[in-house]
Amino acid sequence: MLLFPLIGLAISFLITLIFAPLFIPLLRRLHFGQYIRTEGPKSHQKKAGTPTMGGVIFLLSLLITIVIMALKYHVADQNTYMLLFVSLGFGLVGLLDDFIKIVMKRNMGLTSKQKMLGQLIIAFVFFYFVTRFDYSTYLSVPGTGWTINLYWLYPIFVIFILIGVPNATNLTDGMDGLLSGLAAISFAAYAVIAFASMKLGIALFATVMLGALLGFLIFNAHPARVFMGDTGSLAIGGALAGMAILTGTEILLAVIGGVYVIETLSVMIQVVSFKTTGKRVFRMSPIHHHFELGGWSEWKVVTVFWMAGLILAIIGVYLKVGIIH
């Protein structure tokens, strides 16, 4: 059973390695270059013009690999297709946002209302599919055998996760390789959890996404030759939220994805503090910029955050798999 997810990982990794050198020059020729905010760290200004929308690369790899695994090995199931839908759906919203920013020269991309509407549509459709299969209103408390029944609040909670996680991963995508490396760790953790839970369709999806991200990381690590853009960051968040819901690990995702939580909280704290007191808690938010402006090199920030993500993922896997066994 483990063989098929590993085959999927290898195929998606190789497809990404093939696609990236083809797509990056194309993105450059089309002038799909990254816009760098003037209020961001000055060291990032040299990155202006680096090809973005690179999330298309690993999402195409994901799609093609899932199709291959479904047609040749017949191992994909409804969970695989639901996760494919939610990742590509959020990726499409991100793609529209990137396109408007870069091609139409509107720096803010989609308006906040347009982006929220697109995300809500994908979230509601995904939740509809959830209700058609193994639907439970119970939340599992990590590390215990306890459960909490949310009753009618559960749909609201699910929509909150499906909107919140993609925006958290989007905030995290601010340094070369930061999100792609953290996401690879998160998908690896969910591959283990899904396999231990005998949810093989989810394990397949997680390993395929892991392979695609590892291939992308080769081109996205510092100094990045391509950025994933909102296309990739929103897709990653949608996929993580979907896996948490389908594996009943909604609360545990806050452990496995603890770095995304910290990044989001840093932005919220910064905004509230500045609006109420006029003072900033951090040199700049999200918090990865705080450390960068404190004198850390970009690579040091990324590797430390990767290590934090790895430790949290190991804790999360232990909490879940330990309870299963």
C-alpha atoms as a PDB file:
ATOM      1  CA  MET A   1       0.000   0.000   0.000  1.00  0.00           C
ATOM      2  CA  LEU A   2       2.880   2.358   0.721  1.00  0.00           C
ATOM      3  CA  LEU A   3       4.248   1.763  -2.781  1.00  0.00           C
ATOM      4  CA  PHE A   4       1.588   3.804  -4.599  1.00  0.00           C
ATOM      5  CA  PRO A   5       2.016   7.035  -2.597  1.00  0.00           C
ATOM      6  CA  LEU A   6       5.782   6.760  -3.098  1.00  0.00           C
ATOM      7  CA  ILE A   7       5.282   6.271  -6.837  1.00  0.00           C
ATOM      8  CA  GLY A   8       3.064   9.365  -6.846  1.00  0.00           C
ATOM      9  CA  LEU A   9       5.741  11.328  -4.980  1.00  0.00           C
ATOM     10  CA  ALA A  10       8.425  10.326  -7.481  1.00  0.00           C
ATOM     11  CA  ILE A  11       6.269  11.124 -10.522  1.00  0.00           C
ATOM     12  CA  SER A  12       5.215  14.578  -9.271  1.00  0.00           C
ATOM     13  CA  PHE A  13       8.802  15.406  -8.306  1.00  0.00           C
ATOM     14  CA  LEU A  14      10.094  14.487 -11.766  1.00  0.00           C
ATOM     15  CA  ILE A  15       7.278  16.304 -13.580  1.00  0.00           C
ATOM     16  CA  THR A  16       8.020  19.472 -11.593  1.00  0.00           C
ATOM     17  CA  LEU A  17      11.726  19.178 -12.423  1.00  0.00           C
ATOM     18  CA  ILE A  18      10.805  18.945 -16.107  1.00  0.00           C
ATOM     19  CA  PHE A  19       8.172  21.699 -16.082  1.00  0.00           C
ATOM     20  CA  ALA A  20      10.026  24.343 -14.054  1.00  0.00           C
ATOM     21  CA  PRO A  21      12.872  24.995 -16.553  1.00  0.00           C
ATOM     22  CA  LEU A  22      10.241  25.307 -19.287  1.00  0.00           C
ATOM     23  CA  PHE A  23       7.815  27.562 -17.420  1.00  0.00           C
ATOM     24  CA  ILE A  24      10.269  29.943 -15.756  1.00  0.00           C
ATOM     25  CA  PRO A  25      11.636  31.374 -19.039  1.00  0.00           C
ATOM     26  CA  LEU A  26       8.050  31.561 -20.355  1.00  0.00           C
ATOM     27  CA  LEU A  27       6.933  33.545 -17.310  1.00  0.00           C
ATOM     28  CA  ARG A  28       9.920  35.827 -17.788  1.00  0.00           C
ATOM     29  CA  ARG A  29       9.128  36.382 -21.484  1.00  0.00           C
ATOM     30  CA  LEU A  30       5.523  37.188 -20.599  1.00  0.00           C
ATOM     31  CA  HIS A  31       6.847  39.715 -18.047  1.00  0.00           C
ATOM     32  CA  PHE A  32       5.068  37.952 -15.191  1.00  0.00           C
ATOM     33  CA  GLY A  33       7.532  39.470 -12.742  1.00  0.00           C
ATOM     34  CA  GLN A  34       7.034  39.929  -9.003  1.00  0.00           C
ATOM     35  CA  TYR A  35       6.001  43.349  -7.737  1.00  0.00           C
ATOM     36  CA  ILE A  36       7.866  44.201  -4.511  1.00  0.00           C
ATOM     37  CA  ARG A  37       6.135  46.481  -1.998  1.00  0.00           C
ATOM     38  CA  THR A  38       8.118  49.651  -1.327  1.00  0.00           C
ATOM     39  CA  GLU A  39       7.244  49.399   2.383  1.00  0.00           C
ATOM     40  CA  GLY A  40       8.858  45.951   2.575  1.00  0.00           C
ATOM     41  CA  PRO A  41      12.496  45.257   3.517  1.00  0.00           C
ATOM     42  CA  LYS A  42      14.851  47.186   1.225  1.00  0.00           C
ATOM     43  CA  SER A  43      16.885  44.028   0.620  1.00  0.00           C
ATOM     44  CA  HIS A  44      13.870  42.570  -1.197  1.00  0.00           C
ATOM     45  CA  GLN A  45      13.800  45.290  -3.863  1.00  0.00           C
ATOM     46  CA  LYS A  46      16.424  43.404  -5.873  1.00  0.00           C
ATOM     47  CA  LYS A  47      13.889  40.593  -6.279  1.00  0.00           C
ATOM     48  CA  ALA A  48      11.606  42.782  -8.381  1.00  0.00           C
ATOM     49  CA  GLY A  49      10.954  41.157 -11.737  1.00  0.00           C
ATOM     50  CA  THR A  50      11.580  37.592 -10.561  1.00  0.00           C
ATOM     51  CA  PRO A  51       8.991  35.392 -12.337  1.00  0.00           C
ATOM     52  CA  THR A  52       5.944  34.713 -10.197  1.00  0.00           C
ATOM     53  CA  MET A  53       2.728  32.655 -10.565  1.00  0.00           C
ATOM     54  CA  GLY A  54       5.060  29.656 -10.247  1.00  0.00           C
ATOM     55  CA  GLY A  55       2.375  27.851  -8.281  1.00  0.00           C
ATOM     56  CA  VAL A  56       1.051  26.857 -11.692  1.00  0.00           C
ATOM     57  CA  ILE A  57       4.096  24.600 -12.041  1.00  0.00           C
ATOM     58  CA  PHE A  58       3.480  22.383  -9.030  1.00  0.00           C
ATOM     59  CA  LEU A  59      -0.320  22.496  -9.426  1.00  0.00           C
ATOM     60  CA  LEU A  60      -0.025  21.178 -12.986  1.00  0.00           C
ATOM     61  CA  SER A  61       2.340  18.510 -11.688  1.00  0.00           C
ATOM     62  CA  LEU A  62      -0.215  17.643  -8.988  1.00  0.00           C
ATOM     63  CA  LEU A  63      -3.058  17.380 -11.499  1.00  0.00           C
ATOM     64  CA  ILE A  64      -1.138  15.307 -14.033  1.00  0.00           C
ATOM     65  CA  THR A  65       0.219  12.934 -11.391  1.00  0.00           C
ATOM     66  CA  ILE A  66      -3.212  12.363  -9.823  1.00  0.00           C
ATOM     67  CA  VAL A  67      -4.622  11.585 -13.286  1.00  0.00           C
ATOM     68  CA  ILE A  68      -1.778   9.124 -13.947  1.00  0.00           C
ATOM     69  CA  MET A  69      -2.263   7.432 -10.559  1.00  0.00           C
ATOM     70  CA  ALA A  70      -6.020   7.220 -11.109  1.00  0.00           C
ATOM     71  CA  LEU A  71      -5.898   5.841 -14.664  1.00  0.00           C
ATOM     72  CA  LYS A  72      -2.879   3.543 -14.406  1.00  0.00           C
ATOM     73  CA  TYR A  73      -2.956   2.365 -10.787  1.00  0.00           C
ATOM     74  CA  HIS A  74      -6.618   3.020  -9.849  1.00  0.00           C
ATOM     75  CA  VAL A  75      -5.656   4.256  -6.371  1.00  0.00           C
ATOM     76  CA  ALA A  76      -7.334   7.681  -6.196  1.00  0.00           C
ATOM     77  CA  ASP A  77     -10.636   7.882  -4.297  1.00  0.00           C
ATOM     78  CA  GLN A  78     -13.259  10.537  -3.512  1.00  0.00           C
ATOM     79  CA  ASN A  79     -10.995  12.109  -0.888  1.00  0.00           C
ATOM     80  CA  THR A  80      -8.227  12.506  -3.474  1.00  0.00           C
ATOM     81  CA  TYR A  81     -10.574  14.245  -5.892  1.00  0.00           C
ATOM     82  CA  MET A  82     -12.061  16.477  -3.186  1.00  0.00           C
ATOM     83  CA  LEU A  83      -8.575  17.614  -2.173  1.00  0.00           C
ATOM     84  CA  LEU A  84      -7.638  18.144  -5.808  1.00  0.00           C
ATOM     85  CA  PHE A  85     -10.749  20.309  -6.218  1.00  0.00           C
ATOM     86  CA  VAL A  86     -10.112  22.479  -3.152  1.00  0.00           C
ATOM     87  CA  SER A  87      -6.420  23.010  -3.977  1.00  0.00           C
ATOM     88  CA  LEU A  88      -7.042  23.862  -7.632  1.00  0.00           C
ATOM     89  CA  GLY A  89     -10.053  25.980  -6.673  1.00  0.00           C
ATOM     90  CA  PHE A  90      -8.093  28.149  -4.274  1.00  0.00           C
ATOM     91  CA  GLY A  91      -5.222  28.128  -6.754  1.00  0.00           C
ATOM     92  CA  LEU A  92      -7.553  29.570  -9.389  1.00  0.00           C
ATOM     93  CA  VAL A  93      -8.560  32.406  -7.060  1.00  0.00           C
ATOM     94  CA  GLY A  94      -4.869  33.088  -6.470  1.00  0.00           C
ATOM     95  CA  LEU A  95      -4.147  32.918 -10.194  1.00  0.00           C
ATOM     96  CA  LEU A  96      -6.770  35.576 -10.912  1.00  0.00           C
ATOM     97  CA  ASP A  97      -5.294  37.734  -8.147  1.00  0.00           C
ATOM     98  CA  ASP A  98      -1.752  37.333  -9.530  1.00  0.00           C
ATOM     99  CA  PHE A  99      -2.910  37.984 -13.088  1.00  0.00           C
ATOM    100  CA  ILE A 100      -4.630  41.231 -12.156  1.00  0.00           C
ATOM    101  CA  LYS A 101      -1.598  42.401 -10.165  1.00  0.00           C
ATOM    102  CA  ILE A 102       0.978  41.600 -12.803  1.00  0.00           C
ATOM    103  CA  VAL A 103      -0.710  41.807 -16.192  1.00  0.00           C
ATOM    104  CA  MET A 104      -3.371  44.425 -15.500  1.00  0.00           C
ATOM    105  CA  LYS A 105      -0.956  46.411 -13.271  1.00  0.00           C
ATOM    106  CA  ARG A 106      -3.403  46.688 -10.359  1.00  0.00           C
ATOM    107  CA  ASN A 107      -1.112  46.344  -7.361  1.00  0.00           C
ATOM    108  CA  MET A 108      -3.817  45.103  -4.997  1.00  0.00           C
ATOM    109  CA  GLY A 109      -5.077  42.421  -7.398  1.00  0.00           C
ATOM    110  CA  LEU A 110      -8.601  41.247  -6.653  1.00  0.00           C
ATOM    111  CA  THR A 111     -10.510  43.393  -4.201  1.00  0.00           C
ATOM    112  CA  SER A 112     -10.917  41.898  -0.734  1.00  0.00           C
ATOM    113  CA  LYS A 113     -14.615  41.276  -1.453  1.00  0.00           C
ATOM    114  CA  GLN A 114     -13.872  39.537  -4.760  1.00  0.00           C
ATOM    115  CA  LYS A 115     -11.209  37.341  -3.189  1.00  0.00           C
ATOM    116  CA  MET A 116     -13.463  36.459  -0.253  1.00  0.00           C
ATOM    117  CA  LEU A 117     -16.349  35.615  -2.585  1.00  0.00           C
ATOM    118  CA  GLY A 118     -14.162  33.288  -4.640  1.00  0.00           C
ATOM    119  CA  GLN A 119     -12.832  31.567  -1.530  1.00  0.00           C
ATOM    120  CA  LEU A 120     -16.328  31.207  -0.053  1.00  0.00           C
ATOM    121  CA  ILE A 121     -17.615  29.558  -3.229  1.00  0.00           C
ATOM    122  CA  ILE A 122     -14.819  26.977  -3.185  1.00  0.00           C
ATOM    123  CA  ALA A 123     -15.264  26.429   0.569  1.00  0.00           C
ATOM    124  CA  PHE A 124     -19.025  25.884   0.328  1.00  0.00           C
ATOM    125  CA  VAL A 125     -18.709  23.484  -2.605  1.00  0.00           C
ATOM    126  CA  PHE A 126     -16.032  21.497  -0.750  1.00  0.00           C
ATOM    127  CA  PHE A 127     -18.165  21.361   2.399  1.00  0.00           C
ATOM    128  CA  TYR A 128     -21.122  20.151   0.342  1.00  0.00           C
ATOM    129  CA  PHE A 129     -18.986  17.221  -0.832  1.00  0.00           C
ATOM    130  CA  VAL A 130     -17.916  16.571   2.767  1.00  0.00           C
ATOM    131  CA  THR A 131     -21.553  16.210   3.815  1.00  0.00           C
ATOM    132  CA  ARG A 132     -22.078  13.614   1.076  1.00  0.00           C
ATOM    133  CA  PHE A 133     -19.505  11.242   2.568  1.00  0.00           C
ATOM    134  CA  ASP A 134     -18.094  10.712   6.084  1.00  0.00           C
ATOM    135  CA  TYR A 135     -19.595  13.698   7.822  1.00  0.00           C
ATOM    136  CA  SER A 136     -19.085  14.254  11.536  1.00  0.00           C
ATOM    137  CA  THR A 137     -19.614  17.338  13.695  1.00  0.00           C
ATOM    138  CA  TYR A 138     -17.102  16.124  16.290  1.00  0.00           C
ATOM    139  CA  LEU A 139     -13.664  17.678  16.814  1.00  0.00           C
ATOM    140  CA  SER A 140     -10.830  15.566  18.213  1.00  0.00           C
ATOM    141  CA  VAL A 141      -8.668  17.120  20.941  1.00  0.00           C
ATOM    142  CA  PRO A 142      -4.987  16.373  20.085  1.00  0.00           C
ATOM    143  CA  GLY A 143      -3.186  14.012  22.429  1.00  0.00           C
ATOM    144  CA  THR A 144      -6.359  12.835  24.140  1.00  0.00           C
ATOM    145  CA  GLY A 145      -9.294  10.590  23.377  1.00  0.00           C
ATOM    146  CA  TRP A 146     -11.659  13.499  23.919  1.00  0.00           C
ATOM    147  CA  THR A 147     -14.044  14.844  21.306  1.00  0.00           C
ATOM    148  CA  ILE A 148     -16.167  17.980  21.162  1.00  0.00           C
ATOM    149  CA  ASN A 149     -19.487  18.002  19.316  1.00  0.00           C
ATOM    150  CA  LEU A 150     -20.015  21.383  17.628  1.00  0.00           C
ATOM    151  CA  TYR A 151     -23.467  20.446  16.295  1.00  0.00           C
ATOM    152  CA  TRP A 152     -24.733  23.261  14.046  1.00  0.00           C
ATOM    153  CA  LEU A 153     -21.576  25.313  14.629  1.00  0.00           C
ATOM    154  CA  TYR A 154     -19.442  22.786  12.765  1.00  0.00           C
ATOM    155  CA  PRO A 155     -20.246  24.072   9.235  1.00  0.00           C
ATOM    156  CA  ILE A 156     -19.278  27.594  10.352  1.00  0.00           C
ATOM    157  CA  PHE A 157     -16.057  26.230  11.855  1.00  0.00           C
ATOM    158  CA  VAL A 158     -15.221  24.368   8.634  1.00  0.00           C
ATOM    159  CA  ILE A 159     -15.770  27.447   6.470  1.00  0.00           C
ATOM    160  CA  PHE A 160     -13.602  29.446   8.891  1.00  0.00           C
ATOM    161  CA  ILE A 161     -10.765  26.922   8.482  1.00  0.00           C
ATOM    162  CA  LEU A 162     -11.129  26.814   4.708  1.00  0.00           C
ATOM    163  CA  ILE A 163     -10.867  30.612   4.523  1.00  0.00           C
ATOM    164  CA  GLY A 164      -8.369  31.129   7.340  1.00  0.00           C
ATOM    165  CA  VAL A 165      -5.689  28.580   6.455  1.00  0.00           C
ATOM    166  CA  PRO A 166      -5.139  29.741   2.835  1.00  0.00           C
ATOM    167  CA  ASN A 167      -4.798  33.319   4.049  1.00  0.00           C
ATOM    168  CA  ALA A 168      -2.318  32.181   6.730  1.00  0.00           C
ATOM    169  CA  THR A 169      -0.166  30.376   4.161  1.00  0.00           C
ATOM    170  CA  ASN A 170      -0.427  33.414   1.919  1.00  0.00           C
ATOM    171  CA  LEU A 171       1.018  35.609   4.700  1.00  0.00           C
ATOM    172  CA  THR A 172       3.808  33.085   5.274  1.00  0.00           C
ATOM    173  CA  ASP A 173       4.955  33.273   1.652  1.00  0.00           C
ATOM    174  CA  GLY A 174       7.319  36.202   2.058  1.00  0.00           C
ATOM    175  CA  MET A 175      10.838  34.775   1.682  1.00  0.00           C
ATOM    176  CA  ASP A 176      12.621  32.535  -0.776  1.00  0.00           C
ATOM    177  CA  GLY A 177      11.614  28.942  -0.092  1.00  0.00           C
ATOM    178  CA  LEU A 178       9.912  29.705   3.223  1.00  0.00           C
ATOM    179  CA  LEU A 179       6.407  28.489   2.400  1.00  0.00           C
ATOM    180  CA  SER A 180       7.394  25.783  -0.065  1.00  0.00           C
ATOM    181  CA  GLY A 181       9.697  24.204   2.540  1.00  0.00           C
ATOM    182  CA  LEU A 182       7.195  24.535   5.391  1.00  0.00           C
ATOM    183  CA  ALA A 183       4.391  23.190   3.223  1.00  0.00           C
ATOM    184  CA  ALA A 184       6.498  20.187   2.182  1.00  0.00           C
ATOM    185  CA  ILE A 185       6.942  19.398   5.892  1.00  0.00           C
ATOM    186  CA  SER A 186       3.203  19.795   6.529  1.00  0.00           C
ATOM    187  CA  PHE A 187       2.243  17.515   3.641  1.00  0.00           C
ATOM    188  CA  ALA A 188       4.771  14.921   4.785  1.00  0.00           C
ATOM    189  CA  ALA A 189       3.157  14.988   8.235  1.00  0.00           C
ATOM    190  CA  TYR A 190      -0.298  14.528   6.754  1.00  0.00           C
ATOM    191  CA  ALA A 191       0.934  11.700   4.548  1.00  0.00           C
ATOM    192  CA  VAL A 192       1.996   9.831   7.705  1.00  0.00           C
ATOM    193  CA  ILE A 193      -1.263  10.633   9.511  1.00  0.00           C
ATOM    194  CA  ALA A 194      -3.404   9.606   6.551  1.00  0.00           C
ATOM    195  CA  PHE A 195      -1.491   6.369   6.017  1.00  0.00           C
ATOM    196  CA  ALA A 196      -1.700   5.489   9.731  1.00  0.00           C
ATOM    197  CA  SER A 197      -5.444   6.189   9.587  1.00  0.00           C
ATOM    198  CA  MET A 198      -5.786   3.984   6.479  1.00  0.00           C
ATOM    199  CA  LYS A 199      -7.028   6.942   4.429  1.00  0.00           C
ATOM    200  CA  LEU A 200      -4.995   5.983   1.385  1.00  0.00           C
ATOM    201  CA  GLY A 201      -6.567   8.481  -1.007  1.00  0.00           C
ATOM    202  CA  ILE A 202      -5.479  11.323   1.276  1.00  0.00           C
ATOM    203  CA  ALA A 203      -2.036   9.775   1.737  1.00  0.00           C
ATOM    204  CA  LEU A 204      -1.696   9.645  -2.053  1.00  0.00           C
ATOM    205  CA  PHE A 205      -2.642  13.309  -2.426  1.00  0.00           C
ATOM    206  CA  ALA A 206      -0.267  14.372   0.365  1.00  0.00           C
ATOM    207  CA  THR A 207       2.712  12.524  -1.097  1.00  0.00           C
ATOM    208  CA  VAL A 208       2.008  13.778  -4.612  1.00  0.00           C
ATOM    209  CA  MET A 209       1.882  17.353  -3.326  1.00  0.00           C
ATOM    210  CA  LEU A 210       5.031  16.702  -1.298  1.00  0.00           C
ATOM    211  CA  GLY A 211       6.904  15.550  -4.405  1.00  0.00           C
ATOM    212  CA  ALA A 212       5.695  18.536  -6.421  1.00  0.00           C
ATOM    213  CA  LEU A 213       6.751  20.983  -3.694  1.00  0.00           C
ATOM    214  CA  LEU A 214      10.185  19.396  -3.258  1.00  0.00           C
ATOM    215  CA  GLY A 215      10.753  19.764  -6.980  1.00  0.00           C
ATOM    216  CA  PHE A 216       9.541  23.373  -6.874  1.00  0.00           C
ATOM    217  CA  LEU A 217      11.749  24.136  -3.860  1.00  0.00           C
ATOM    218  CA  ILE A 218      14.849  23.506  -5.969  1.00  0.00           C
ATOM    219  CA  PHE A 219      13.914  26.592  -8.006  1.00  0.00           C
ATOM    220  CA  ASN A 220      12.265  28.547  -5.170  1.00  0.00           C
ATOM    221  CA  ALA A 221      15.026  28.283  -2.529  1.00  0.00           C
ATOM    222  CA  HIS A 222      17.302  31.281  -1.991  1.00  0.00           C
ATOM    223  CA  PRO A 223      18.114  32.875  -4.341  1.00  0.00           C
ATOM    224  CA  ALA A 224      14.730  32.136  -5.860  1.00  0.00           C
ATOM    225  CA  ARG A 225      14.436  31.789  -9.607  1.00  0.00           C
ATOM    226  CA  VAL A 226      10.639  31.754  -9.369  1.00  0.00           C
ATOM    227  CA  PHE A 227       7.988  32.671  -6.808  1.00  0.00           C
ATOM    228  CA  MET A 228       4.781  30.703  -6.301  1.00  0.00           C
ATOM    229  CA  GLY A 229       2.575  33.796  -5.989  1.00  0.00           C
ATOM    230  CA  ASP A 230      -0.951  33.705  -4.573  1.00  0.00           C
ATOM    231  CA  THR A 231      -1.588  30.916  -7.069  1.00  0.00           C
ATOM    232  CA  GLY A 232       0.557  28.572  -5.022  1.00  0.00           C
ATOM    233  CA  SER A 233       0.126  29.936  -1.497  1.00  0.00           C
ATOM    234  CA  LEU A 234      -3.682  29.866  -1.550  1.00  0.00           C
ATOM    235  CA  ALA A 235      -3.703  26.395  -3.145  1.00  0.00           C
ATOM    236  CA  ILE A 236      -1.406  25.061  -0.426  1.00  0.00           C
ATOM    237  CA  GLY A 237      -3.628  26.490   2.300  1.00  0.00           C
ATOM    238  CA  GLY A 238      -6.777  25.081   0.712  1.00  0.00           C
ATOM    239  CA  ALA A 239      -5.201  21.636   0.464  1.00  0.00           C
ATOM    240  CA  LEU A 240      -3.996  21.690   4.095  1.00  0.00           C
ATOM    241  CA  ALA A 241      -7.397  22.808   5.362  1.00  0.00           C
ATOM    242  CA  GLY A 242      -9.084  20.114   3.276  1.00  0.00           C
ATOM    243  CA  MET A 243      -6.815  17.376   4.627  1.00  0.00           C
ATOM    244  CA  ALA A 244      -7.405  18.528   8.208  1.00  0.00           C
ATOM    245  CA  ILE A 245     -11.170  18.315   7.712  1.00  0.00           C
ATOM    246  CA  LEU A 246     -11.091  14.925   5.962  1.00  0.00           C
ATOM    247  CA  THR A 247      -8.786  13.380   8.586  1.00  0.00           C
ATOM    248  CA  GLY A 248     -10.622  14.882  11.557  1.00  0.00           C
ATOM    249  CA  THR A 249      -7.535  16.842  12.619  1.00  0.00           C
ATOM    250  CA  GLU A 250      -8.906  20.365  12.427  1.00  0.00           C
ATOM    251  CA  ILE A 251      -7.436  21.350  15.817  1.00  0.00           C
ATOM    252  CA  LEU A 252      -4.214  19.411  15.231  1.00  0.00           C
ATOM    253  CA  LEU A 253      -3.562  21.495  12.106  1.00  0.00           C
ATOM    254  CA  ALA A 254      -2.817  24.418  14.442  1.00  0.00           C
ATOM    255  CA  VAL A 255       0.077  22.335  15.810  1.00  0.00           C
ATOM    256  CA  ILE A 256       1.382  20.947  12.518  1.00  0.00           C
ATOM    257  CA  GLY A 257       0.962  24.350  10.910  1.00  0.00           C
ATOM    258  CA  GLY A 258       2.036  26.271  14.005  1.00  0.00           C
ATOM    259  CA  VAL A 259       4.351  28.529  12.016  1.00  0.00           C
ATOM    260  CA  TYR A 260       1.426  29.677   9.835  1.00  0.00           C
ATOM    261  CA  VAL A 261      -0.514  30.453  13.025  1.00  0.00           C
ATOM    262  CA  ILE A 262       2.368  32.480  14.463  1.00  0.00           C
ATOM    263  CA  GLU A 263       2.801  34.401  11.199  1.00  0.00           C
ATOM    264  CA  THR A 264      -0.896  35.290  11.158  1.00  0.00           C
ATOM    265  CA  LEU A 265      -0.999  36.258  14.825  1.00  0.00           C
ATOM    266  CA  SER A 266       2.005  38.536  14.325  1.00  0.00           C
ATOM    267  CA  VAL A 267       0.099  40.469  11.660  1.00  0.00           C
ATOM    268  CA  MET A 268      -3.028  40.693  13.824  1.00  0.00           C
ATOM    269  CA  ILE A 269      -1.044  41.842  16.882  1.00  0.00           C
ATOM    270  CA  GLN A 270       0.814  44.428  14.803  1.00  0.00           C
ATOM    271  CA  VAL A 271      -2.377  45.874  13.331  1.00  0.00           C
ATOM    272  CA  VAL A 272      -4.261  45.997  16.645  1.00  0.00           C
ATOM    273  CA  SER A 273      -1.294  47.524  18.483  1.00  0.00           C
ATOM    274  CA  PHE A 274      -0.683  50.198  15.870  1.00  0.00           C
ATOM    275  CA  LYS A 275      -4.357  51.147  15.605  1.00  0.00           C
ATOM    276  CA  THR A 276      -4.908  51.314  19.363  1.00  0.00           C
ATOM    277  CA  THR A 277      -1.582  52.682  20.639  1.00  0.00           C
ATOM    278  CA  GLY A 278       0.205  53.943  17.554  1.00  0.00           C
ATOM    279  CA  LYS A 279       3.126  51.639  18.384  1.00  0.00           C
ATOM    280  CA  ARG A 280       4.432  48.565  16.586  1.00  0.00           C
ATOM    281  CA  VAL A 281       5.214  45.373  18.480  1.00  0.00           C
ATOM    282  CA  PHE A 282       7.412  43.998  15.683  1.00  0.00           C
ATOM    283  CA  ARG A 283       9.904  45.762  13.428  1.00  0.00           C
ATOM    284  CA  MET A 284       7.723  44.535  10.576  1.00  0.00           C
ATOM    285  CA  SER A 285       5.055  41.872  10.172  1.00  0.00           C
ATOM    286  CA  PRO A 286       4.642  39.053   9.302  1.00  0.00           C
ATOM    287  CA  ILE A 287       7.169  37.999  11.916  1.00  0.00           C
ATOM    288  CA  HIS A 288       9.738  36.581   9.461  1.00  0.00           C
ATOM    289  CA  HIS A 289      10.464  40.198   8.450  1.00  0.00           C
ATOM    290  CA  HIS A 290      10.953  41.117  12.129  1.00  0.00           C
ATOM    291  CA  PHE A 291      13.913  38.747  12.363  1.00  0.00           C
ATOM    292  CA  GLU A 292      15.254  39.830   8.986  1.00  0.00           C
ATOM    293  CA  LEU A 293      15.259  43.489  10.002  1.00  0.00           C
ATOM    294  CA  GLY A 294      16.917  42.415  13.252  1.00  0.00           C
ATOM    295  CA  GLY A 295      19.998  41.373  11.312  1.00  0.00           C
ATOM    296  CA  TRP A 296      19.308  37.748  10.408  1.00  0.00           C
ATOM    297  CA  SER A 297      20.064  36.749   6.845  1.00  0.00           C
ATOM    298  CA  GLU A 298      17.094  35.617   4.788  1.00  0.00           C
ATOM    299  CA  TRP A 299      18.483  32.075   4.627  1.00  0.00           C
ATOM    300  CA  LYS A 300      18.892  31.959   8.418  1.00  0.00           C
ATOM    301  CA  VAL A 301      15.282  33.044   8.972  1.00  0.00           C
ATOM    302  CA  VAL A 302      14.027  30.436   6.505  1.00  0.00           C
ATOM    303  CA  THR A 303      16.068  27.553   7.939  1.00  0.00           C
ATOM    304  CA  VAL A 304      15.101  28.398  11.540  1.00  0.00           C
ATOM    305  CA  PHE A 305      11.433  28.566  10.558  1.00  0.00           C
ATOM    306  CA  TRP A 306      11.786  25.254   8.695  1.00  0.00           C
ATOM    307  CA  MET A 307      13.235  23.663  11.824  1.00  0.00           C
ATOM    308  CA  ALA A 308      10.388  25.064  13.919  1.00  0.00           C
ATOM    309  CA  GLY A 309       7.907  23.702  11.383  1.00  0.00           C
ATOM    310  CA  LEU A 310       9.600  20.293  11.421  1.00  0.00           C
ATOM    311  CA  ILE A 311       9.525  20.066  15.220  1.00  0.00           C
ATOM    312  CA  LEU A 312       5.849  21.066  15.322  1.00  0.00           C
ATOM    313  CA  ALA A 313       5.011  18.564  12.563  1.00  0.00           C
ATOM    314  CA  ILE A 314       6.739  15.747  14.468  1.00  0.00           C
ATOM    315  CA  ILE A 315       4.796  16.674  17.616  1.00  0.00           C
ATOM    316  CA  GLY A 316       1.557  16.754  15.621  1.00  0.00           C
ATOM    317  CA  VAL A 317       2.184  13.353  14.050  1.00  0.00           C
ATOM    318  CA  TYR A 318       3.058  11.858  17.428  1.00  0.00           C
ATOM    319  CA  LEU A 319      -0.111  13.253  19.020  1.00  0.00           C
ATOM    320  CA  LYS A 320      -2.290  11.759  16.272  1.00  0.00           C
ATOM    321  CA  VAL A 321      -0.531   8.487  15.456  1.00  0.00           C
ATOM    322  CA  GLY A 322       0.081   7.756  19.151  1.00  0.00           C
ATOM    323  CA  ILE A 323      -3.665   7.918  19.785  1.00  0.00           C
ATOM    324  CA  ILE A 324      -4.439   5.718  16.764  1.00  0.00           C
ATOM    325  CA  HIS A 325      -2.089   3.015  18.011  1.00  0.00           C
END
